[in-house]
Structures are given as C-alpha cells and as structure tokens.
C-alpha cells in the first residue's frame, strides 16, 4: 500500500531531514516501532517489515532504547517447529 503524507518541514528536519526517501524511511521505522511497542507486531514481523536481520533489529531497539517484550507464544511455536525440523534432519539428537 502506498500512502502519501504531507508533513511540516520542521518535522522532517526533526526526523533527520535528508531526501524524501530518507524521511519516508524514518516515518516507516516510527510506525513499525510504535506497533511493536503496542504489541500489535511481534519482533520478527517488525524486523521483516524493516528489512532487518535479527541482529540489526536488536541493535535498532537498543538504539531507540526500547526493550524487547517477553517471549511470545508465536516465538515459542516457531522455536518448537525449528527444533522438530532439526531433529528430523538429524542435526539435533532425539528426545531421550
């Protein structure tokens, strides 16, 4: 979805100025970060939307002084699926 948004020049400057593409990126980061803070996005979803690796996402959160929320059910389900896949591939030993 493409949205056109007019913002005052003063706000663009406070967001870091630069080209319209740079300001657009700052706005996108702010929207995604706020959705993450409100628990409307999981960390993996937010990182993907911004094109960040897990490490880049963690650095971004630290830079913005945002502490990641607790481990979610979605995180657990993905981890369980990964463990099951790694066991099926023989990378991890079977459960004793």
Protein backbone atom coordinates (compact mmCIF):
# COMPACT_ATOMS: atom_id res chain seq x y z
CA UNK A 1 0.00 0.00 0.00
CA UNK A 2 1.26 3.44 -0.85
CA UNK A 3 0.25 6.38 1.31
CA UNK A 4 1.09 9.99 0.57
CA UNK A 5 1.59 12.07 3.68
CA UNK A 6 2.36 15.74 3.95
CA UNK A 7 4.40 16.69 6.98
CA UNK A 8 5.71 20.08 8.05
CA UNK A 9 9.29 20.86 7.08
CA UNK A 10 10.15 21.30 10.77
CA UNK A 11 9.05 17.73 11.50
CA UNK A 12 11.01 16.41 8.53
CA UNK A 13 14.07 18.17 9.93
CA UNK A 14 13.48 16.68 13.38
CA UNK A 15 13.20 13.23 11.80
CA UNK A 16 16.69 13.64 10.43
CA UNK A 17 15.98 15.60 7.27
CA UNK A 18 17.51 14.35 4.07
CA UNK A 19 15.77 13.21 0.95
CA UNK A 20 12.06 12.39 0.81
CA UNK A 21 13.04 8.70 0.74
CA UNK A 22 15.07 9.10 3.95
CA UNK A 23 12.21 10.90 5.69
CA UNK A 24 9.81 8.21 4.46
CA UNK A 25 12.09 5.56 5.97
CA UNK A 26 12.17 7.40 9.32
CA UNK A 27 8.35 7.54 9.33
CA UNK A 28 8.09 3.83 8.48
CA UNK A 29 10.51 2.96 11.29
CA UNK A 30 8.47 5.07 13.73
CA UNK A 31 5.19 3.42 12.73
CA UNK A 32 6.64 -0.10 12.96
CA UNK A 33 8.32 0.66 16.28
CA UNK A 34 5.08 2.02 17.76
CA UNK A 35 3.14 -1.03 16.57
CA UNK A 36 5.78 -3.22 18.21
CA UNK A 37 5.56 -1.25 21.46
CA UNK A 38 1.77 -1.68 21.43
CA UNK A 39 2.17 -5.47 20.90
CA UNK A 40 0.46 -5.27 17.52
CA UNK A 41 3.59 -6.70 15.86
CA UNK A 42 5.99 -9.37 17.05
CA UNK A 43 9.69 -8.63 16.84
CA UNK A 44 10.21 -10.96 13.91
CA UNK A 45 7.38 -9.31 11.98
CA UNK A 46 8.67 -5.82 12.71
CA UNK A 47 12.22 -6.75 11.72
CA UNK A 48 10.98 -8.26 8.47
CA UNK A 49 8.94 -5.17 7.62
CA UNK A 50 12.03 -3.03 8.04
CA UNK A 51 14.30 -5.47 6.21
CA UNK A 52 16.40 -6.10 9.31
CA UNK A 53 18.16 -9.27 10.37
CA UNK A 54 17.59 -10.35 13.97
CA UNK A 55 20.89 -8.72 14.96
CA UNK A 56 20.03 -5.48 13.15
CA UNK A 57 16.61 -5.44 14.83
CA UNK A 58 18.21 -5.88 18.26
CA UNK A 59 20.63 -3.04 17.50
CA UNK A 60 17.75 -0.85 16.29
CA UNK A 61 15.81 -1.48 19.53
CA UNK A 62 18.85 -0.70 21.63
CA UNK A 63 19.49 2.48 19.65
CA UNK A 64 15.87 3.55 20.22
CA UNK A 65 16.08 2.48 23.89
CA UNK A 66 13.24 0.01 23.51
CA UNK A 67 13.43 -3.24 25.39
CA UNK A 68 12.03 -6.25 23.61
CA UNK A 69 8.87 -7.71 25.05
CA UNK A 70 8.62 -11.07 26.67
CA UNK A 71 8.88 -14.26 24.71
CA UNK A 72 5.59 -14.68 22.85
CA UNK A 73 3.54 -17.75 22.00
CA UNK A 74 4.42 -17.15 18.34
CA UNK A 75 8.12 -17.18 19.25
CA UNK A 76 7.65 -20.46 21.12
CA UNK A 77 5.76 -22.06 18.23
CA UNK A 78 8.50 -21.09 15.76
CA UNK A 79 11.21 -22.39 18.08
CA UNK A 80 9.39 -25.71 18.59
CA UNK A 81 8.96 -26.09 14.82
CA UNK A 82 12.66 -25.36 14.31
CA UNK A 83 13.70 -27.91 16.94
CA UNK A 84 11.41 -30.53 15.40
CA UNK A 85 12.83 -29.84 11.93
CA UNK A 86 16.42 -30.05 13.20
CA UNK A 87 15.66 -33.35 14.95
CA UNK A 88 14.06 -34.73 11.77
CA UNK A 89 17.17 -33.69 9.81
CA UNK A 90 19.42 -35.38 12.38
CA UNK A 91 21.09 -32.12 13.41
CA UNK A 92 19.76 -32.45 16.96
CA UNK A 93 19.55 -35.75 18.85
CA UNK A 94 16.12 -37.27 19.52
CA UNK A 95 14.47 -36.75 22.87
CA UNK A 96 15.72 -39.30 25.40
